[in-house]
């Protein structure tokens, strides 16, 4: 690993630790949309560029907000779905749906 790649990885890890963030990566499209729909049903407000149709050909980001909590939802055609947010929210999401919440991107 090059010096710059190693430095970038360490800075990202520090950012996640400093802000108390966790991440769930590589969520399949069906479960990703199910989770977003379920959170909206539970009262979370959605903002951003959410597109369920045409998911295979586009990258987009949306945010789910409830009170002071924000959950960033990203879709990337290479890495599939990603959820980033406060540890308590992302850990709970992972536990409920059977995903592993990491303290930094893998």
Protein backbone atom coordinates (compact mmCIF):
# COMPACT_ATOMS: atom_id res chain seq x y z
CA UNK A 1 0.00 0.00 0.00
CA UNK A 2 1.40 3.38 -0.92
CA UNK A 3 2.07 6.07 1.63
CA UNK A 4 -0.79 8.26 0.32
CA UNK A 5 -3.30 5.41 0.32
CA UNK A 6 -2.30 4.49 3.87
CA UNK A 7 -2.58 8.11 5.00
CA UNK A 8 -6.00 8.48 3.38
CA UNK A 9 -7.25 5.29 5.07
CA UNK A 10 -6.00 6.47 8.49
CA UNK A 11 -7.63 9.90 8.05
CA UNK A 12 -10.93 8.25 7.11
CA UNK A 13 -10.72 5.97 10.17
CA UNK A 14 -10.01 9.01 12.37
CA UNK A 15 -12.99 10.90 10.91
CA UNK A 16 -15.34 7.99 11.61
CA UNK A 17 -14.02 7.62 15.15
CA UNK A 18 -14.11 11.37 15.88
CA UNK A 19 -17.72 11.78 14.73
CA UNK A 20 -18.89 8.42 16.15
CA UNK A 21 -19.90 7.05 12.75
CA UNK A 22 -20.43 3.48 11.63
CA UNK A 23 -20.94 2.07 8.16
CA UNK A 24 -22.73 -0.87 6.57
CA UNK A 25 -21.51 -1.68 3.06
CA UNK A 26 -22.49 -3.87 0.11
CA UNK A 27 -26.20 -4.12 0.84
CA UNK A 28 -28.05 -5.87 -2.04
CA UNK A 29 -30.53 -3.67 -3.92
CA UNK A 30 -33.73 -5.43 -2.80
CA UNK A 31 -32.83 -5.21 0.89
CA UNK A 32 -31.46 -1.68 0.48
CA UNK A 33 -34.79 -0.40 -0.88
CA UNK A 34 -36.72 -2.39 1.71
CA UNK A 35 -34.73 -0.75 4.52
CA UNK A 36 -35.23 2.76 3.09
CA UNK A 37 -38.98 2.17 2.65
CA UNK A 38 -39.26 0.78 6.19
CA UNK A 39 -37.44 3.76 7.72
CA UNK A 40 -39.66 6.21 5.81
CA UNK A 41 -42.68 4.26 7.07
CA UNK A 42 -41.32 4.62 10.63
CA UNK A 43 -41.34 8.42 10.30
CA UNK A 44 -37.90 9.21 8.90
CA UNK A 45 -37.90 12.07 6.39
CA UNK A 46 -36.09 11.56 3.10
CA UNK A 47 -34.15 14.21 1.22
CA UNK A 48 -31.88 13.95 -1.77
CA UNK A 49 -31.80 12.01 -4.98
CA UNK A 50 -33.58 8.70 -4.26
CA UNK A 51 -34.37 6.54 -7.30
CA UNK A 52 -35.59 3.00 -6.95
CA UNK A 53 -36.20 2.62 -10.68
CA UNK A 54 -33.10 2.46 -12.84
CA UNK A 55 -30.87 1.50 -9.93
CA UNK A 56 -28.56 -0.64 -12.04
CA UNK A 57 -27.35 2.29 -14.12
CA UNK A 58 -26.95 5.16 -11.67
CA UNK A 59 -25.18 6.33 -8.54
CA UNK A 60 -27.05 8.48 -6.03
CA UNK A 61 -27.18 9.66 -2.43
CA UNK A 62 -30.10 10.42 -0.14
CA UNK A 63 -30.43 11.23 3.56
CA UNK A 64 -32.94 9.95 6.06
CA UNK A 65 -33.55 12.26 9.03
CA UNK A 66 -35.45 11.82 12.25
CA UNK A 67 -35.00 14.38 15.00
CA UNK A 68 -31.28 15.10 15.21
CA UNK A 69 -30.23 11.78 13.64
CA UNK A 70 -29.16 11.55 10.00
CA UNK A 71 -28.56 8.36 8.06
CA UNK A 72 -26.71 8.74 4.75
CA UNK A 73 -27.83 6.21 2.12
CA UNK A 74 -25.57 5.79 -0.92
CA UNK A 75 -26.06 3.64 -3.99
CA UNK A 76 -23.07 2.84 -6.16
CA UNK A 77 -23.21 0.37 -9.06
CA UNK A 78 -19.84 -1.11 -8.01
CA UNK A 79 -20.35 -1.37 -4.24
CA UNK A 80 -24.15 -1.54 -4.03
CA UNK A 81 -25.87 0.02 -1.01
CA UNK A 82 -24.13 1.75 1.88
CA UNK A 83 -25.53 3.22 5.10
CA UNK A 84 -23.44 5.73 7.10
CA UNK A 85 -24.54 7.31 10.35
CA UNK A 86 -24.27 7.49 14.13
CA UNK A 87 -23.08 4.30 15.76
CA UNK A 88 -26.33 3.64 17.66
CA UNK A 89 -28.47 3.98 14.50
CA UNK A 90 -26.23 1.97 12.14
CA UNK A 91 -25.51 -0.71 14.74
CA UNK A 92 -29.26 -1.11 15.36
CA UNK A 93 -29.94 -1.29 11.63
CA UNK A 94 -27.27 -3.96 11.23
CA UNK A 95 -28.59 -5.98 14.13
CA UNK A 96 -32.18 -5.79 12.85
CA UNK A 97 -31.37 -6.79 9.27
CA UNK A 98 -28.37 -9.08 9.82
CA UNK A 99 -25.55 -6.84 8.57
CA UNK A 100 -22.20 -6.04 10.14
CA UNK A 101 -21.67 -2.42 11.17
CA UNK A 102 -18.03 -1.40 10.80
CA UNK A 103 -16.26 1.51 12.46
CA UNK A 104 -14.69 2.58 9.13
CA UNK A 105 -15.02 1.64 5.43
CA UNK A 106 -13.46 -1.69 4.53
